[in-house]
Amino acid sequence: MSLYVDADACPVRDECLRVAERQGARVYLVCNGGIRPVAHPLVEMVYVAEGPDAADRWIAGQAVAGDVVVTADIPLAAKCVAAGARVVKPNGEALTPANIGNALAARDLMADLRAADPFRPGGGRGFSRADRSRFLDALERVMREAQRITR
């Protein structure tokens, strides 16, 4: 089991490392080079070429059944779910075959609404302590489930 983290702008990198350390899982922090290297024996830094979706393509090409992916990118999550990987968003929401279609539809709807009204206020609420706690619980649970499957 490996843990792939879409690390650019990820607010829960440290939490990913803590959970992976408890689980003994290999961690791949994938980014365009904008984050500081992590010196940890379980962590491999993966720097991809700059450009749109380069990190997403790398993760989607690696993640397989039994792996866990942390991302807020819904199209990447859909590819990983289709490959059999488990996906957790930084707010703790798990994306599964049962809900990924709805998540993609909602993403597309919001993109259409933003395009139709460029003056529409954007952005969501800030990342809270409760989100961080929910993420830790969800990642711990999902990684335990993935570990049971891979054994």
N, C-alpha and C. Protein backbone atom coordinates (compact mmCIF):
# COMPACT_ATOMS: atom_id res chain seq x y z
N MET A 1 0.84 -1.18 0.00
CA MET A 1 0.00 0.00 0.00
C MET A 1 0.89 1.24 0.00
N SER A 2 0.55 2.17 -0.87
CA SER A 2 1.24 3.45 -0.93
C SER A 2 0.23 4.57 -0.74
N LEU A 3 0.72 5.69 -0.23
CA LEU A 3 -0.08 6.88 -0.05
C LEU A 3 0.44 7.94 -1.01
N TYR A 4 -0.40 8.37 -1.95
CA TYR A 4 -0.04 9.40 -2.91
C TYR A 4 -0.72 10.69 -2.49
N VAL A 5 0.08 11.76 -2.37
CA VAL A 5 -0.47 13.04 -1.94
C VAL A 5 -0.25 14.06 -3.05
N ASP A 6 -1.35 14.63 -3.52
CA ASP A 6 -1.31 15.73 -4.48
C ASP A 6 -0.87 16.94 -3.65
N ALA A 7 0.45 17.15 -3.56
CA ALA A 7 1.03 17.98 -2.51
C ALA A 7 0.99 19.48 -2.78
N ASP A 8 0.83 19.91 -4.01
CA ASP A 8 0.73 21.35 -4.27
C ASP A 8 -0.51 21.89 -3.59
N ALA A 9 -0.34 22.86 -2.71
CA ALA A 9 -1.44 23.50 -2.00
C ALA A 9 -2.24 22.54 -1.13
N CYS A 10 -1.65 21.45 -0.70
CA CYS A 10 -2.34 20.50 0.17
C CYS A 10 -2.18 20.95 1.63
N PRO A 11 -3.28 21.21 2.33
CA PRO A 11 -3.19 21.69 3.71
C PRO A 11 -2.93 20.60 4.75
N VAL A 12 -2.86 19.33 4.33
CA VAL A 12 -2.76 18.23 5.30
C VAL A 12 -1.54 17.34 5.07
N ARG A 13 -0.47 17.89 4.52
CA ARG A 13 0.74 17.08 4.27
C ARG A 13 1.28 16.48 5.57
N ASP A 14 1.38 17.29 6.61
CA ASP A 14 1.92 16.79 7.88
C ASP A 14 1.05 15.67 8.45
N GLU A 15 -0.24 15.81 8.34
CA GLU A 15 -1.15 14.78 8.84
C GLU A 15 -0.99 13.49 8.05
N CYS A 16 -0.78 13.61 6.75
CA CYS A 16 -0.54 12.42 5.91
C CYS A 16 0.70 11.67 6.39
N LEU A 17 1.74 12.40 6.71
CA LEU A 17 2.98 11.77 7.17
C LEU A 17 2.77 11.07 8.52
N ARG A 18 2.02 11.71 9.41
CA ARG A 18 1.77 11.08 10.72
C ARG A 18 1.02 9.78 10.59
N VAL A 19 -0.03 9.77 9.79
CA VAL A 19 -0.83 8.56 9.62
C VAL A 19 -0.01 7.49 8.89
N ALA A 20 0.70 7.87 7.87
CA ALA A 20 1.52 6.90 7.11
C ALA A 20 2.59 6.28 8.00
N GLU A 21 3.15 7.06 8.88
CA GLU A 21 4.17 6.54 9.80
C GLU A 21 3.56 5.49 10.73
N ARG A 22 2.37 5.77 11.24
CA ARG A 22 1.70 4.78 12.11
C ARG A 22 1.37 3.51 11.35
N GLN A 23 1.02 3.66 10.07
CA GLN A 23 0.62 2.51 9.25
C GLN A 23 1.81 1.85 8.55
N GLY A 24 2.97 2.49 8.56
CA GLY A 24 4.14 1.94 7.88
C GLY A 24 4.00 1.99 6.36
N ALA A 25 3.32 2.99 5.84
CA ALA A 25 3.07 3.09 4.40
C ALA A 25 4.07 4.02 3.73
N ARG A 26 4.42 3.72 2.52
CA ARG A 26 5.28 4.56 1.69
C ARG A 26 4.45 5.76 1.24
N VAL A 27 5.04 6.96 1.28
CA VAL A 27 4.35 8.19 0.92
C VAL A 27 5.05 8.83 -0.28
N TYR A 28 4.25 9.21 -1.26
CA TYR A 28 4.76 9.94 -2.42
C TYR A 28 4.13 11.33 -2.39
N LEU A 29 4.95 12.35 -2.13
CA LEU A 29 4.48 13.73 -2.19
C LEU A 29 4.77 14.23 -3.59
N VAL A 30 3.74 14.46 -4.36
CA VAL A 30 3.88 14.79 -5.78
C VAL A 30 3.56 16.27 -5.98
N CYS A 31 4.52 16.99 -6.59
CA CYS A 31 4.33 18.43 -6.77
C CYS A 31 5.12 18.94 -7.96
N ASN A 32 4.89 20.21 -8.29
CA ASN A 32 5.61 20.87 -9.37
C ASN A 32 6.91 21.50 -8.87
N GLY A 33 7.27 21.27 -7.64
CA GLY A 33 8.52 21.80 -7.11
C GLY A 33 8.35 22.96 -6.16
N GLY A 34 7.14 23.30 -5.82
CA GLY A 34 6.90 24.45 -4.97
C GLY A 34 6.91 24.17 -3.48
N ILE A 35 7.24 22.96 -3.06
CA ILE A 35 7.27 22.69 -1.62
C ILE A 35 8.66 22.23 -1.20
N ARG A 36 8.94 22.44 0.06
CA ARG A 36 10.23 22.08 0.63
C ARG A 36 10.35 20.57 0.74
N PRO A 37 11.53 20.01 0.44
CA PRO A 37 11.71 18.56 0.56
C PRO A 37 11.48 18.08 1.99
N VAL A 38 11.03 16.86 2.12
CA VAL A 38 10.78 16.25 3.42
C VAL A 38 11.80 15.15 3.62
N ALA A 39 12.56 15.25 4.69
CA ALA A 39 13.57 14.23 4.99
C ALA A 39 12.95 13.21 5.94
N HIS A 40 12.38 12.17 5.38
CA HIS A 40 11.74 11.11 6.16
C HIS A 40 11.94 9.82 5.40
N PRO A 41 12.28 8.73 6.08
CA PRO A 41 12.57 7.48 5.36
C PRO A 41 11.38 6.89 4.59
N LEU A 42 10.16 7.23 4.97
CA LEU A 42 8.99 6.70 4.26
C LEU A 42 8.53 7.59 3.11
N VAL A 43 9.15 8.77 2.97
CA VAL A 43 8.67 9.76 2.01
C VAL A 43 9.58 9.82 0.79
N GLU A 44 8.94 9.80 -0.37
CA GLU A 44 9.64 10.08 -1.61
C GLU A 44 9.03 11.32 -2.23
N MET A 45 9.88 12.30 -2.46
CA MET A 45 9.43 13.52 -3.13
C MET A 45 9.43 13.26 -4.63
N VAL A 46 8.34 13.56 -5.29
CA VAL A 46 8.24 13.40 -6.74
C VAL A 46 7.98 14.77 -7.33
N TYR A 47 8.97 15.28 -8.07
CA TYR A 47 8.83 16.57 -8.72
C TYR A 47 8.52 16.33 -10.19
N VAL A 48 7.39 16.83 -10.63
CA VAL A 48 6.98 16.66 -12.02
C VAL A 48 7.24 17.96 -12.77
N ALA A 49 7.22 17.87 -14.09
CA ALA A 49 7.41 19.06 -14.91
C ALA A 49 6.29 20.06 -14.63
N GLU A 50 6.62 21.33 -14.77
CA GLU A 50 5.58 22.34 -14.59
C GLU A 50 4.57 22.24 -15.72
N GLY A 51 3.40 22.61 -15.42
CA GLY A 51 2.34 22.57 -16.42
C GLY A 51 1.07 22.07 -15.79
N PRO A 52 -0.04 22.35 -16.45
CA PRO A 52 -1.32 21.95 -15.87
C PRO A 52 -1.46 20.43 -15.77
N ASP A 53 -1.86 19.99 -14.61
CA ASP A 53 -2.20 18.60 -14.37
C ASP A 53 -1.04 17.61 -14.47
N ALA A 54 0.20 18.06 -14.44
CA ALA A 54 1.34 17.14 -14.52
C ALA A 54 1.37 16.22 -13.29
N ALA A 55 1.15 16.79 -12.11
CA ALA A 55 1.14 15.97 -10.89
C ALA A 55 -0.03 14.99 -10.93
N ASP A 56 -1.16 15.46 -11.41
CA ASP A 56 -2.35 14.61 -11.49
C ASP A 56 -2.11 13.42 -12.41
N ARG A 57 -1.50 13.68 -13.56
CA ARG A 57 -1.22 12.58 -14.50
C ARG A 57 -0.27 11.57 -13.88
N TRP A 58 0.73 12.04 -13.15
CA TRP A 58 1.70 11.12 -12.54
C TRP A 58 0.99 10.24 -11.51
N ILE A 59 0.20 10.85 -10.64
CA ILE A 59 -0.50 10.09 -9.60
C ILE A 59 -1.46 9.10 -10.24
N ALA A 60 -2.24 9.55 -11.21
CA ALA A 60 -3.21 8.66 -11.88
C ALA A 60 -2.52 7.49 -12.55
N GLY A 61 -1.32 7.68 -13.02
CA GLY A 61 -0.57 6.60 -13.66
C GLY A 61 0.03 5.61 -12.68
N GLN A 62 0.12 5.97 -11.42
CA GLN A 62 0.74 5.11 -10.41
C GLN A 62 -0.26 4.40 -9.50
N ALA A 63 -1.32 5.09 -9.11
CA ALA A 63 -2.25 4.57 -8.10
C ALA A 63 -3.00 3.35 -8.61
N VAL A 64 -3.02 2.30 -7.79
CA VAL A 64 -3.70 1.05 -8.11
C VAL A 64 -4.55 0.62 -6.92
N ALA A 65 -5.28 -0.45 -7.10
CA ALA A 65 -6.10 -0.99 -6.02
C ALA A 65 -5.23 -1.24 -4.79
N GLY A 66 -5.72 -0.83 -3.64
CA GLY A 66 -4.97 -0.98 -2.40
C GLY A 66 -4.20 0.26 -2.02
N ASP A 67 -4.04 1.21 -2.93
CA ASP A 67 -3.37 2.47 -2.62
C ASP A 67 -4.38 3.49 -2.12
N VAL A 68 -3.86 4.56 -1.51
CA VAL A 68 -4.69 5.65 -1.03
C VAL A 68 -4.16 6.94 -1.64
N VAL A 69 -5.07 7.79 -2.09
CA VAL A 69 -4.71 9.06 -2.70
C VAL A 69 -5.38 10.18 -1.92
N VAL A 70 -4.61 11.25 -1.63
CA VAL A 70 -5.16 12.44 -0.99
C VAL A 70 -5.14 13.56 -2.01
N THR A 71 -6.32 14.04 -2.38
CA THR A 71 -6.44 15.11 -3.35
C THR A 71 -7.79 15.80 -3.22
N ALA A 72 -7.80 17.07 -3.62
CA ALA A 72 -9.06 17.81 -3.72
C ALA A 72 -9.49 17.90 -5.18
N ASP A 73 -8.66 17.37 -6.08
CA ASP A 73 -8.92 17.45 -7.52
C ASP A 73 -9.88 16.33 -7.91
N ILE A 74 -11.09 16.68 -8.28
CA ILE A 74 -12.14 15.70 -8.55
C ILE A 74 -11.85 14.84 -9.79
N PRO A 75 -11.40 15.42 -10.90
CA PRO A 75 -11.06 14.56 -12.05
C PRO A 75 -9.95 13.55 -11.72
N LEU A 76 -8.94 13.97 -10.97
CA LEU A 76 -7.89 13.04 -10.55
C LEU A 76 -8.50 11.96 -9.66
N ALA A 77 -9.34 12.36 -8.74
CA ALA A 77 -9.99 11.40 -7.84
C ALA A 77 -10.77 10.37 -8.65
N ALA A 78 -11.48 10.81 -9.68
CA ALA A 78 -12.27 9.89 -10.50
C ALA A 78 -11.37 8.85 -11.18
N LYS A 79 -10.23 9.28 -11.68
CA LYS A 79 -9.30 8.34 -12.32
C LYS A 79 -8.76 7.33 -11.30
N CYS A 80 -8.44 7.80 -10.12
CA CYS A 80 -7.89 6.92 -9.08
C CYS A 80 -8.95 5.93 -8.58
N VAL A 81 -10.17 6.41 -8.40
CA VAL A 81 -11.26 5.52 -7.98
C VAL A 81 -11.48 4.45 -9.05
N ALA A 82 -11.44 4.85 -10.33
CA ALA A 82 -11.62 3.89 -11.43
C ALA A 82 -10.51 2.83 -11.43
N ALA A 83 -9.32 3.22 -10.95
CA ALA A 83 -8.20 2.28 -10.89
C ALA A 83 -8.25 1.39 -9.64
N GLY A 84 -9.23 1.65 -8.76
CA GLY A 84 -9.38 0.83 -7.57
C GLY A 84 -8.75 1.42 -6.32
N ALA A 85 -8.13 2.58 -6.43
CA ALA A 85 -7.52 3.23 -5.27
C ALA A 85 -8.60 3.89 -4.41
N ARG A 86 -8.28 4.11 -3.17
CA ARG A 86 -9.18 4.83 -2.27
C ARG A 86 -8.74 6.29 -2.25
N VAL A 87 -9.71 7.20 -2.20
CA VAL A 87 -9.41 8.63 -2.27
C VAL A 87 -10.05 9.35 -1.10
N VAL A 88 -9.25 10.25 -0.51
CA VAL A 88 -9.74 11.09 0.59
C VAL A 88 -9.41 12.54 0.25
N LYS A 89 -10.41 13.40 0.37
CA LYS A 89 -10.19 14.83 0.17
C LYS A 89 -9.60 15.41 1.45
N PRO A 90 -8.89 16.54 1.38
CA PRO A 90 -8.32 17.14 2.59
C PRO A 90 -9.32 17.49 3.68
N ASN A 91 -10.60 17.61 3.34
CA ASN A 91 -11.61 17.89 4.37
C ASN A 91 -12.15 16.61 5.02
N GLY A 92 -11.61 15.45 4.62
CA GLY A 92 -12.02 14.18 5.22
C GLY A 92 -13.07 13.42 4.44
N GLU A 93 -13.59 14.00 3.37
CA GLU A 93 -14.60 13.31 2.58
C GLU A 93 -13.95 12.22 1.74
N ALA A 94 -14.46 11.02 1.85
CA ALA A 94 -13.97 9.91 1.03
C ALA A 94 -14.73 9.90 -0.29
N LEU A 95 -14.00 9.73 -1.38
CA LEU A 95 -14.62 9.62 -2.70
C LEU A 95 -14.55 8.16 -3.12
N THR A 96 -15.71 7.62 -3.48
CA THR A 96 -15.84 6.20 -3.77
C THR A 96 -16.56 6.00 -5.09
N PRO A 97 -16.64 4.76 -5.58
CA PRO A 97 -17.43 4.53 -6.79
C PRO A 97 -18.89 4.96 -6.63
N ALA A 98 -19.40 4.95 -5.40
CA ALA A 98 -20.80 5.31 -5.16
C ALA A 98 -21.04 6.82 -5.24
N ASN A 99 -20.02 7.66 -4.97
CA ASN A 99 -20.29 9.10 -4.95
C ASN A 99 -19.43 9.92 -5.91
N ILE A 100 -18.51 9.30 -6.63
CA ILE A 100 -17.62 10.08 -7.50
C ILE A 100 -18.39 10.72 -8.66
N GLY A 101 -19.40 10.04 -9.17
CA GLY A 101 -20.21 10.61 -10.25
C GLY A 101 -20.89 11.90 -9.82
N ASN A 102 -21.46 11.91 -8.62
CA ASN A 102 -22.10 13.12 -8.11
C ASN A 102 -21.08 14.23 -7.90
N ALA A 103 -19.89 13.88 -7.41
CA ALA A 103 -18.85 14.88 -7.20
C ALA A 103 -18.41 15.50 -8.52
N LEU A 104 -18.26 14.68 -9.56
CA LEU A 104 -17.91 15.21 -10.88
C LEU A 104 -19.01 16.12 -11.43
N ALA A 105 -20.25 15.71 -11.27
CA ALA A 105 -21.37 16.52 -11.76
C ALA A 105 -21.43 17.86 -11.03
N ALA A 106 -21.24 17.85 -9.73
CA ALA A 106 -21.27 19.09 -8.95
C ALA A 106 -20.12 20.01 -9.36
N ARG A 107 -18.95 19.43 -9.59
CA ARG A 107 -17.79 20.21 -10.04
C ARG A 107 -18.09 20.87 -11.38
N ASP A 108 -18.64 20.09 -12.31
CA ASP A 108 -18.95 20.64 -13.63
C ASP A 108 -20.02 21.73 -13.54
N LEU A 109 -21.02 21.52 -12.71
CA LEU A 109 -22.08 22.52 -12.54
C LEU A 109 -21.49 23.82 -12.00
N MET A 110 -20.64 23.73 -10.99
CA MET A 110 -20.04 24.93 -10.41
C MET A 110 -19.15 25.64 -11.43
N ALA A 111 -18.43 24.89 -12.26
CA ALA A 111 -17.60 25.50 -13.31
C ALA A 111 -18.49 26.25 -14.30
N ASP A 112 -19.62 25.66 -14.66
CA ASP A 112 -20.55 26.32 -15.58
C ASP A 112 -21.13 27.59 -14.95
N LEU A 113 -21.48 27.54 -13.68
CA LEU A 113 -22.02 28.72 -13.01
C LEU A 113 -20.98 29.84 -12.93
N ARG A 114 -19.74 29.50 -12.64
CA ARG A 114 -18.68 30.50 -12.59
C ARG A 114 -18.45 31.11 -13.97
N ALA A 115 -18.50 30.29 -15.01
CA ALA A 115 -18.30 30.79 -16.37
C ALA A 115 -19.46 31.69 -16.81
N ALA A 116 -20.67 31.39 -16.37
CA ALA A 116 -21.84 32.18 -16.76
C ALA A 116 -21.89 33.52 -16.04
N ASP A 117 -21.30 33.61 -14.86
CA ASP A 117 -21.34 34.84 -14.08
C ASP A 117 -19.95 35.12 -13.52
N PRO A 118 -19.09 35.82 -14.28
CA PRO A 118 -17.72 36.04 -13.83
C PRO A 118 -17.63 36.92 -12.58
N PHE A 119 -18.71 37.60 -12.22
CA PHE A 119 -18.69 38.45 -11.03
C PHE A 119 -19.21 37.73 -9.79
N ARG A 120 -19.58 36.49 -9.97
CA ARG A 120 -20.07 35.68 -8.86
C ARG A 120 -18.93 35.50 -7.86
N PRO A 121 -19.19 35.76 -6.58
CA PRO A 121 -18.12 35.57 -5.60
C PRO A 121 -17.66 34.11 -5.59
N GLY A 122 -16.40 33.91 -5.57
CA GLY A 122 -15.86 32.55 -5.61
C GLY A 122 -15.24 32.15 -4.29
N GLY A 123 -14.64 31.00 -4.31
CA GLY A 123 -13.96 30.51 -3.11
C GLY A 123 -14.93 29.94 -2.11
N GLY A 124 -14.44 29.09 -1.29
CA GLY A 124 -15.25 28.49 -0.24
C GLY A 124 -14.82 29.01 1.11
N ARG A 125 -15.27 28.35 2.10
CA ARG A 125 -14.88 28.74 3.45
C ARG A 125 -13.45 28.30 3.71
N GLY A 126 -12.83 28.83 4.73
CA GLY A 126 -11.46 28.49 5.06
C GLY A 126 -11.34 27.07 5.61
N PHE A 127 -10.13 26.57 5.64
CA PHE A 127 -9.85 25.24 6.15
C PHE A 127 -9.81 25.32 7.67
N SER A 128 -10.64 24.55 8.35
CA SER A 128 -10.79 24.67 9.80
C SER A 128 -10.09 23.54 10.55
N ARG A 129 -10.02 23.72 11.83
CA ARG A 129 -9.48 22.69 12.72
C ARG A 129 -10.35 21.44 12.67
N ALA A 130 -11.65 21.64 12.54
CA ALA A 130 -12.57 20.50 12.43
C ALA A 130 -12.32 19.72 11.14
N ASP A 131 -12.02 20.43 10.03
CA ASP A 131 -11.68 19.76 8.77
C ASP A 131 -10.43 18.90 8.95
N ARG A 132 -9.43 19.45 9.62
CA ARG A 132 -8.18 18.72 9.86
C ARG A 132 -8.43 17.46 10.68
N SER A 133 -9.23 17.59 11.70
CA SER A 133 -9.56 16.44 12.55
C SER A 133 -10.35 15.39 11.78
N ARG A 134 -11.32 15.84 11.00
CA ARG A 134 -12.12 14.93 10.17
C ARG A 134 -11.22 14.20 9.16
N PHE A 135 -10.26 14.93 8.60
CA PHE A 135 -9.33 14.32 7.65
C PHE A 135 -8.49 13.23 8.33
N LEU A 136 -7.94 13.53 9.50
CA LEU A 136 -7.13 12.54 10.21
C LEU A 136 -7.91 11.26 10.47
N ASP A 137 -9.13 11.39 10.94
CA ASP A 137 -9.97 10.22 11.21
C ASP A 137 -10.24 9.44 9.92
N ALA A 138 -10.60 10.17 8.86
CA ALA A 138 -10.94 9.50 7.59
C ALA A 138 -9.72 8.81 6.99
N LEU A 139 -8.57 9.47 7.00
CA LEU A 139 -7.37 8.87 6.42
C LEU A 139 -6.95 7.63 7.20
N GLU A 140 -7.01 7.70 8.50
CA GLU A 140 -6.66 6.54 9.34
C GLU A 140 -7.57 5.36 9.00
N ARG A 141 -8.85 5.61 8.91
CA ARG A 141 -9.83 4.56 8.61
C ARG A 141 -9.60 3.98 7.21
N VAL A 142 -9.45 4.84 6.21
CA VAL A 142 -9.28 4.39 4.83
C VAL A 142 -7.97 3.61 4.67
N MET A 143 -6.91 4.05 5.32
CA MET A 143 -5.64 3.33 5.20
C MET A 143 -5.70 1.97 5.88
N ARG A 144 -6.41 1.88 7.02
CA ARG A 144 -6.57 0.56 7.66
C ARG A 144 -7.35 -0.38 6.75
N GLU A 145 -8.41 0.14 6.13
CA GLU A 145 -9.20 -0.69 5.20
C GLU A 145 -8.34 -1.15 4.01
N ALA A 146 -7.58 -0.24 3.46
CA ALA A 146 -6.71 -0.57 2.30
C ALA A 146 -5.65 -1.59 2.71
N GLN A 147 -5.14 -1.46 3.91
CA GLN A 147 -4.11 -2.39 4.37
C GLN A 147 -4.70 -3.80 4.54
N ARG A 148 -5.93 -3.89 5.03
CA ARG A 148 -6.57 -5.20 5.16
C ARG A 148 -6.75 -5.87 3.80
N ILE A 149 -7.08 -5.08 2.80
CA ILE A 149 -7.30 -5.62 1.44
C ILE A 149 -6.01 -6.10 0.83
N THR A 150 -4.91 -5.39 1.05
CA THR A 150 -3.63 -5.73 0.40
C THR A 150 -2.91 -6.89 1.07
N ARG A 151 -3.37 -7.29 2.22
CA ARG A 151 -2.68 -8.40 2.91
C ARG A 151 -3.13 -9.72 2.40
